[in-house]
ModelCIF file with pLDDT and N, C-alpha, C, O atoms, coordinates in Angstrom:
data_MODEL
#
_entry.id   MODEL 
#
_entity.id                         1 
_entity.type                       polymer 
_entity.pdbx_number_of_molecules   1 
#
_entity_poly.entity_id                      1 
_entity_poly.type                           'polypeptide(L)' 
_entity_poly.nstd_linkage                   no 
_entity_poly.nstd_monomer                   no 
_entity_poly.pdbx_seq_one_letter_code       
;(UNK)(UNK)(UNK)(UNK)(UNK)(UNK)(UNK)(UNK)(UNK)(UNK)(UNK)(UNK)(UNK)(UNK)(UNK)(UNK)
(UNK)(UNK)(UNK)(UNK)(UNK)(UNK)(UNK)(UNK)(UNK)(UNK)(UNK)(UNK)(UNK)(UNK)(UNK)
;
_entity_poly.pdbx_seq_one_letter_code_can   XXXXXXXXXXXXXXXXXXXXXXXXXXXXXXX 
_entity_poly.pdbx_strand_id                 A 
#
loop_
_entity_poly_seq.entity_id 
_entity_poly_seq.num 
_entity_poly_seq.mon_id 
_entity_poly_seq.hetero 
1 1  UNK n 
1 2  UNK n 
1 3  UNK n 
1 4  UNK n 
1 5  UNK n 
1 6  UNK n 
1 7  UNK n 
1 8  UNK n 
1 9  UNK n 
1 10 UNK n 
1 11 UNK n 
1 12 UNK n 
1 13 UNK n 
1 14 UNK n 
1 15 UNK n 
1 16 UNK n 
1 17 UNK n 
1 18 UNK n 
1 19 UNK n 
1 20 UNK n 
1 21 UNK n 
1 22 UNK n 
1 23 UNK n 
1 24 UNK n 
1 25 UNK n 
1 26 UNK n 
1 27 UNK n 
1 28 UNK n 
1 29 UNK n 
1 30 UNK n 
1 31 UNK n 
#
_struct_asym.id          A 
_struct_asym.entity_id   1 
#
loop_
_ma_qa_metric.id 
_ma_qa_metric.mode 
_ma_qa_metric.name 
_ma_qa_metric.software_group_id 
_ma_qa_metric.type 
1 global pLDDT . pLDDT 
2 local  pLDDT . pLDDT 
#
_ma_qa_metric_global.metric_id      1 
_ma_qa_metric_global.metric_value   96.90 
_ma_qa_metric_global.model_id       1 
_ma_qa_metric_global.ordinal_id     1 
#
loop_
_ma_qa_metric_local.label_asym_id 
_ma_qa_metric_local.label_comp_id 
_ma_qa_metric_local.label_seq_id 
_ma_qa_metric_local.metric_id 
_ma_qa_metric_local.metric_value 
_ma_qa_metric_local.model_id 
_ma_qa_metric_local.ordinal_id 
A UNK 1  2 85.00 1 1  
A UNK 2  2 94.00 1 2  
A UNK 3  2 95.00 1 3  
A UNK 4  2 96.00 1 4  
A UNK 5  2 96.00 1 5  
A UNK 6  2 97.00 1 6  
A UNK 7  2 97.00 1 7  
A UNK 8  2 98.00 1 8  
A UNK 9  2 98.00 1 9  
A UNK 10 2 98.00 1 10 
A UNK 11 2 98.00 1 11 
A UNK 12 2 98.00 1 12 
A UNK 13 2 98.00 1 13 
A UNK 14 2 98.00 1 14 
A UNK 15 2 98.00 1 15 
A UNK 16 2 98.00 1 16 
A UNK 17 2 98.00 1 17 
A UNK 18 2 98.00 1 18 
A UNK 19 2 98.00 1 19 
A UNK 20 2 98.00 1 20 
A UNK 21 2 98.00 1 21 
A UNK 22 2 98.00 1 22 
A UNK 23 2 98.00 1 23 
A UNK 24 2 98.00 1 24 
A UNK 25 2 97.00 1 25 
A UNK 26 2 96.00 1 26 
A UNK 27 2 97.00 1 27 
A UNK 28 2 98.00 1 28 
A UNK 29 2 97.00 1 29 
A UNK 30 2 96.00 1 30 
A UNK 31 2 97.00 1 31 
#
loop_
_atom_site.group_PDB 
_atom_site.id 
_atom_site.type_symbol 
_atom_site.label_atom_id 
_atom_site.label_alt_id 
_atom_site.label_comp_id 
_atom_site.label_asym_id 
_atom_site.label_entity_id 
_atom_site.label_seq_id 
_atom_site.pdbx_PDB_ins_code 
_atom_site.Cartn_x 
_atom_site.Cartn_y 
_atom_site.Cartn_z 
_atom_site.occupancy 
_atom_site.B_iso_or_equiv 
_atom_site.pdbx_formal_charge 
_atom_site.auth_seq_id 
_atom_site.auth_comp_id 
_atom_site.auth_asym_id 
_atom_site.auth_atom_id 
_atom_site.pdbx_PDB_model_num 
ATOM 1   N N  . UNK A 1 1  ? -4.829  2.787  13.885 1.00 85.00 ? 1  UNK A N  1 
ATOM 2   C CA . UNK A 1 1  ? -4.486  1.596  13.223 1.00 85.00 ? 1  UNK A CA 1 
ATOM 3   C C  . UNK A 1 1  ? -4.906  1.522  11.775 1.00 85.00 ? 1  UNK A C  1 
ATOM 4   O O  . UNK A 1 1  ? -6.036  1.932  11.506 1.00 85.00 ? 1  UNK A O  1 
ATOM 5   N N  . UNK A 1 2  ? -4.082  1.015  10.733 1.00 94.00 ? 2  UNK A N  1 
ATOM 6   C CA . UNK A 1 2  ? -4.293  1.008  9.464  1.00 94.00 ? 2  UNK A CA 1 
ATOM 7   C C  . UNK A 1 2  ? -5.332  -0.282 9.329  1.00 94.00 ? 2  UNK A C  1 
ATOM 8   O O  . UNK A 1 2  ? -5.119  -1.361 9.880  1.00 94.00 ? 2  UNK A O  1 
ATOM 9   N N  . UNK A 1 3  ? -6.429  -0.009 8.550  1.00 95.00 ? 3  UNK A N  1 
ATOM 10  C CA . UNK A 1 3  ? -7.423  -0.998 8.325  1.00 95.00 ? 3  UNK A CA 1 
ATOM 11  C C  . UNK A 1 3  ? -7.027  -2.151 7.493  1.00 95.00 ? 3  UNK A C  1 
ATOM 12  O O  . UNK A 1 3  ? -7.891  -2.962 7.160  1.00 95.00 ? 3  UNK A O  1 
ATOM 13  N N  . UNK A 1 4  ? -5.699  -2.308 7.099  1.00 96.00 ? 4  UNK A N  1 
ATOM 14  C CA . UNK A 1 4  ? -5.238  -3.186 6.302  1.00 96.00 ? 4  UNK A CA 1 
ATOM 15  C C  . UNK A 1 4  ? -3.863  -3.802 6.799  1.00 96.00 ? 4  UNK A C  1 
ATOM 16  O O  . UNK A 1 4  ? -3.378  -3.414 7.862  1.00 96.00 ? 4  UNK A O  1 
ATOM 17  N N  . UNK A 1 5  ? -3.246  -4.753 6.029  1.00 96.00 ? 5  UNK A N  1 
ATOM 18  C CA . UNK A 1 5  ? -2.087  -5.165 6.575  1.00 96.00 ? 5  UNK A CA 1 
ATOM 19  C C  . UNK A 1 5  ? -0.820  -4.352 6.173  1.00 96.00 ? 5  UNK A C  1 
ATOM 20  O O  . UNK A 1 5  ? -0.254  -4.641 5.119  1.00 96.00 ? 5  UNK A O  1 
ATOM 21  N N  . UNK A 1 6  ? -0.355  -3.360 6.954  1.00 97.00 ? 6  UNK A N  1 
ATOM 22  C CA . UNK A 1 6  ? 0.753   -2.738 6.800  1.00 97.00 ? 6  UNK A CA 1 
ATOM 23  C C  . UNK A 1 6  ? 2.008   -3.461 6.544  1.00 97.00 ? 6  UNK A C  1 
ATOM 24  O O  . UNK A 1 6  ? 2.736   -3.105 5.618  1.00 97.00 ? 6  UNK A O  1 
ATOM 25  N N  . UNK A 1 7  ? 2.345   -4.569 7.390  1.00 97.00 ? 7  UNK A N  1 
ATOM 26  C CA . UNK A 1 7  ? 3.588   -5.172 7.026  1.00 97.00 ? 7  UNK A CA 1 
ATOM 27  C C  . UNK A 1 7  ? 3.574   -5.911 5.672  1.00 97.00 ? 7  UNK A C  1 
ATOM 28  O O  . UNK A 1 7  ? 4.615   -6.105 5.044  1.00 97.00 ? 7  UNK A O  1 
ATOM 29  N N  . UNK A 1 8  ? 2.390   -6.307 5.249  1.00 98.00 ? 8  UNK A N  1 
ATOM 30  C CA . UNK A 1 8  ? 2.313   -6.812 3.970  1.00 98.00 ? 8  UNK A CA 1 
ATOM 31  C C  . UNK A 1 8  ? 2.486   -5.776 2.874  1.00 98.00 ? 8  UNK A C  1 
ATOM 32  O O  . UNK A 1 8  ? 3.221   -6.068 1.931  1.00 98.00 ? 8  UNK A O  1 
ATOM 33  N N  . UNK A 1 9  ? 1.912   -4.651 2.903  1.00 98.00 ? 9  UNK A N  1 
ATOM 34  C CA . UNK A 1 9  ? 2.259   -3.435 2.107  1.00 98.00 ? 9  UNK A CA 1 
ATOM 35  C C  . UNK A 1 9  ? 3.674   -3.195 2.069  1.00 98.00 ? 9  UNK A C  1 
ATOM 36  O O  . UNK A 1 9  ? 4.254   -3.194 0.983  1.00 98.00 ? 9  UNK A O  1 
ATOM 37  N N  . UNK A 1 10 ? 4.335   -2.978 3.225  1.00 98.00 ? 10 UNK A N  1 
ATOM 38  C CA . UNK A 1 10 ? 5.819   -2.740 3.260  1.00 98.00 ? 10 UNK A CA 1 
ATOM 39  C C  . UNK A 1 10 ? 6.508   -3.814 2.397  1.00 98.00 ? 10 UNK A C  1 
ATOM 40  O O  . UNK A 1 10 ? 7.240   -3.505 1.457  1.00 98.00 ? 10 UNK A O  1 
ATOM 41  N N  . UNK A 1 11 ? 6.254   -5.056 2.742  1.00 98.00 ? 11 UNK A N  1 
ATOM 42  C CA . UNK A 1 11 ? 6.865   -6.213 2.047  1.00 98.00 ? 11 UNK A CA 1 
ATOM 43  C C  . UNK A 1 11 ? 6.719   -6.073 0.501  1.00 98.00 ? 11 UNK A C  1 
ATOM 44  O O  . UNK A 1 11 ? 7.722   -6.077 -0.212 1.00 98.00 ? 11 UNK A O  1 
ATOM 45  N N  . UNK A 1 12 ? 5.528   -5.956 0.015  1.00 98.00 ? 12 UNK A N  1 
ATOM 46  C CA . UNK A 1 12 ? 5.400   -5.836 -1.361 1.00 98.00 ? 12 UNK A CA 1 
ATOM 47  C C  . UNK A 1 12 ? 5.983   -4.608 -1.848 1.00 98.00 ? 12 UNK A C  1 
ATOM 48  O O  . UNK A 1 12 ? 6.551   -4.686 -2.938 1.00 98.00 ? 12 UNK A O  1 
ATOM 49  N N  . UNK A 1 13 ? 5.957   -3.446 -1.241 1.00 98.00 ? 13 UNK A N  1 
ATOM 50  C CA . UNK A 1 13 ? 6.771   -2.434 -1.885 1.00 98.00 ? 13 UNK A CA 1 
ATOM 51  C C  . UNK A 1 13 ? 8.349   -2.548 -1.667 1.00 98.00 ? 13 UNK A C  1 
ATOM 52  O O  . UNK A 1 13 ? 9.055   -1.893 -2.435 1.00 98.00 ? 13 UNK A O  1 
ATOM 53  N N  . UNK A 1 14 ? 8.862   -3.201 -0.842 1.00 98.00 ? 14 UNK A N  1 
ATOM 54  C CA . UNK A 1 14 ? 10.207  -3.584 -0.894 1.00 98.00 ? 14 UNK A CA 1 
ATOM 55  C C  . UNK A 1 14 ? 10.677  -4.678 -1.909 1.00 98.00 ? 14 UNK A C  1 
ATOM 56  O O  . UNK A 1 14 ? 11.836  -4.712 -2.323 1.00 98.00 ? 14 UNK A O  1 
ATOM 57  N N  . UNK A 1 15 ? 9.777   -5.511 -2.260 1.00 98.00 ? 15 UNK A N  1 
ATOM 58  C CA . UNK A 1 15 ? 10.101  -6.447 -3.470 1.00 98.00 ? 15 UNK A CA 1 
ATOM 59  C C  . UNK A 1 15 ? 9.839   -5.766 -4.598 1.00 98.00 ? 15 UNK A C  1 
ATOM 60  O O  . UNK A 1 15 ? 10.340  -6.298 -5.589 1.00 98.00 ? 15 UNK A O  1 
ATOM 61  N N  . UNK A 1 16 ? 9.136   -4.623 -4.840 1.00 98.00 ? 16 UNK A N  1 
ATOM 62  C CA . UNK A 1 16 ? 8.886   -3.833 -5.928 1.00 98.00 ? 16 UNK A CA 1 
ATOM 63  C C  . UNK A 1 16 ? 9.944   -2.461 -5.893 1.00 98.00 ? 16 UNK A C  1 
ATOM 64  O O  . UNK A 1 16 ? 9.895   -1.572 -6.743 1.00 98.00 ? 16 UNK A O  1 
ATOM 65  N N  . UNK A 1 17 ? 10.690  -2.476 -4.993 1.00 98.00 ? 17 UNK A N  1 
ATOM 66  C CA . UNK A 1 17 ? 11.662  -1.351 -4.954 1.00 98.00 ? 17 UNK A CA 1 
ATOM 67  C C  . UNK A 1 17 ? 11.137  0.063  -4.840 1.00 98.00 ? 17 UNK A C  1 
ATOM 68  O O  . UNK A 1 17 ? 11.732  1.058  -5.254 1.00 98.00 ? 17 UNK A O  1 
ATOM 69  N N  . UNK A 1 18 ? 9.930   0.051  -4.219 1.00 98.00 ? 18 UNK A N  1 
ATOM 70  C CA . UNK A 1 18 ? 9.205   1.529  -4.065 1.00 98.00 ? 18 UNK A CA 1 
ATOM 71  C C  . UNK A 1 18 ? 9.398   2.034  -2.571 1.00 98.00 ? 18 UNK A C  1 
ATOM 72  O O  . UNK A 1 18 ? 9.365   1.375  -1.532 1.00 98.00 ? 18 UNK A O  1 
ATOM 73  N N  . UNK A 1 19 ? 9.586   3.243  -2.742 1.00 98.00 ? 19 UNK A N  1 
ATOM 74  C CA . UNK A 1 19 ? 9.502   4.181  -1.462 1.00 98.00 ? 19 UNK A CA 1 
ATOM 75  C C  . UNK A 1 19 ? 8.303   4.608  -1.053 1.00 98.00 ? 19 UNK A C  1 
ATOM 76  O O  . UNK A 1 19 ? 8.133   4.839  0.144  1.00 98.00 ? 19 UNK A O  1 
ATOM 77  N N  . UNK A 1 20 ? 7.353   4.769  -1.906 1.00 98.00 ? 20 UNK A N  1 
ATOM 78  C CA . UNK A 1 20 ? 6.009   5.555  -1.774 1.00 98.00 ? 20 UNK A CA 1 
ATOM 79  C C  . UNK A 1 20 ? 5.025   4.971  -2.731 1.00 98.00 ? 20 UNK A C  1 
ATOM 80  O O  . UNK A 1 20 ? 5.373   4.706  -3.882 1.00 98.00 ? 20 UNK A O  1 
ATOM 81  N N  . UNK A 1 21 ? 3.884   4.772  -2.330 1.00 98.00 ? 21 UNK A N  1 
ATOM 82  C CA . UNK A 1 21 ? 2.690   4.369  -3.128 1.00 98.00 ? 21 UNK A CA 1 
ATOM 83  C C  . UNK A 1 21 ? 1.760   5.585  -3.114 1.00 98.00 ? 21 UNK A C  1 
ATOM 84  O O  . UNK A 1 21 ? 1.536   6.194  -2.067 1.00 98.00 ? 21 UNK A O  1 
ATOM 85  N N  . UNK A 1 22 ? 1.199   5.944  -4.336 1.00 98.00 ? 22 UNK A N  1 
ATOM 86  C CA . UNK A 1 22 ? 0.199   7.058  -4.405 1.00 98.00 ? 22 UNK A CA 1 
ATOM 87  C C  . UNK A 1 22 ? -0.982  6.290  -5.076 1.00 98.00 ? 22 UNK A C  1 
ATOM 88  O O  . UNK A 1 22 ? -0.893  5.917  -6.246 1.00 98.00 ? 22 UNK A O  1 
ATOM 89  N N  . UNK A 1 23 ? -2.122  6.053  -4.292 1.00 98.00 ? 23 UNK A N  1 
ATOM 90  C CA . UNK A 1 23 ? -3.321  5.500  -4.693 1.00 98.00 ? 23 UNK A CA 1 
ATOM 91  C C  . UNK A 1 23 ? -4.302  6.526  -5.233 1.00 98.00 ? 23 UNK A C  1 
ATOM 92  O O  . UNK A 1 23 ? -4.421  7.588  -4.622 1.00 98.00 ? 23 UNK A O  1 
ATOM 93  N N  . UNK A 1 24 ? -4.963  6.312  -6.249 1.00 98.00 ? 24 UNK A N  1 
ATOM 94  C CA . UNK A 1 24 ? -5.865  7.487  -6.802 1.00 98.00 ? 24 UNK A CA 1 
ATOM 95  C C  . UNK A 1 24 ? -7.203  6.891  -7.542 1.00 98.00 ? 24 UNK A C  1 
ATOM 96  O O  . UNK A 1 24 ? -8.019  7.631  -8.091 1.00 98.00 ? 24 UNK A O  1 
ATOM 97  N N  . UNK A 1 25 ? -7.324  5.533  -7.493 1.00 97.00 ? 25 UNK A N  1 
ATOM 98  C CA . UNK A 1 25 ? -8.363  4.804  -7.887 1.00 97.00 ? 25 UNK A CA 1 
ATOM 99  C C  . UNK A 1 25 ? -9.626  5.042  -6.706 1.00 97.00 ? 25 UNK A C  1 
ATOM 100 O O  . UNK A 1 25 ? -9.389  5.423  -5.560 1.00 97.00 ? 25 UNK A O  1 
ATOM 101 N N  . UNK A 1 26 ? -10.729 4.797  -7.127 1.00 96.00 ? 26 UNK A N  1 
ATOM 102 C CA . UNK A 1 26 ? -11.837 4.841  -6.249 1.00 96.00 ? 26 UNK A CA 1 
ATOM 103 C C  . UNK A 1 26 ? -11.818 3.609  -5.237 1.00 96.00 ? 26 UNK A C  1 
ATOM 104 O O  . UNK A 1 26 ? -12.128 3.726  -4.052 1.00 96.00 ? 26 UNK A O  1 
ATOM 105 N N  . UNK A 1 27 ? -11.436 2.462  -5.811 1.00 97.00 ? 27 UNK A N  1 
ATOM 106 C CA . UNK A 1 27 ? -11.544 1.344  -4.883 1.00 97.00 ? 27 UNK A CA 1 
ATOM 107 C C  . UNK A 1 27 ? -10.280 1.334  -4.071 1.00 97.00 ? 27 UNK A C  1 
ATOM 108 O O  . UNK A 1 27 ? -10.378 0.948  -2.906 1.00 97.00 ? 27 UNK A O  1 
ATOM 109 N N  . UNK A 1 28 ? -9.056  1.723  -4.548 1.00 98.00 ? 28 UNK A N  1 
ATOM 110 C CA . UNK A 1 28 ? -8.041  1.651  -3.809 1.00 98.00 ? 28 UNK A CA 1 
ATOM 111 C C  . UNK A 1 28 ? -7.972  2.791  -2.605 1.00 98.00 ? 28 UNK A C  1 
ATOM 112 O O  . UNK A 1 28 ? -7.465  2.574  -1.505 1.00 98.00 ? 28 UNK A O  1 
ATOM 113 N N  . UNK A 1 29 ? -8.507  3.905  -2.967 1.00 97.00 ? 29 UNK A N  1 
ATOM 114 C CA . UNK A 1 29 ? -8.634  5.178  -1.917 1.00 97.00 ? 29 UNK A CA 1 
ATOM 115 C C  . UNK A 1 29 ? -9.429  4.529  -0.746 1.00 97.00 ? 29 UNK A C  1 
ATOM 116 O O  . UNK A 1 29 ? -9.079  4.515  0.434  1.00 97.00 ? 29 UNK A O  1 
ATOM 117 N N  . UNK A 1 30 ? -10.597 3.977  -1.298 1.00 96.00 ? 30 UNK A N  1 
ATOM 118 C CA . UNK A 1 30 ? -11.604 3.492  -0.216 1.00 96.00 ? 30 UNK A CA 1 
ATOM 119 C C  . UNK A 1 30 ? -10.942 2.441  0.554  1.00 96.00 ? 30 UNK A C  1 
ATOM 120 O O  . UNK A 1 30 ? -11.123 2.426  1.772  1.00 96.00 ? 30 UNK A O  1 
ATOM 121 N N  . UNK A 1 31 ? -10.050 1.383  -0.107 1.00 97.00 ? 31 UNK A N  1 
ATOM 122 C CA . UNK A 1 31 ? -9.498  0.348  0.682  1.00 97.00 ? 31 UNK A CA 1 
ATOM 123 C C  . UNK A 1 31 ? -8.608  0.896  1.717  1.00 97.00 ? 31 UNK A C  1 
ATOM 124 O O  . UNK A 1 31 ? -8.035  0.140  2.502  1.00 97.00 ? 31 UNK A O  1 
#
């Protein structure tokens, strides 16, 4: 299970028209 709200992430990505997110910052990698 992901430790965050996957449905919310999918919704935000759909609104932004994104197919993939690449996180590289220390805080977002940790999150």
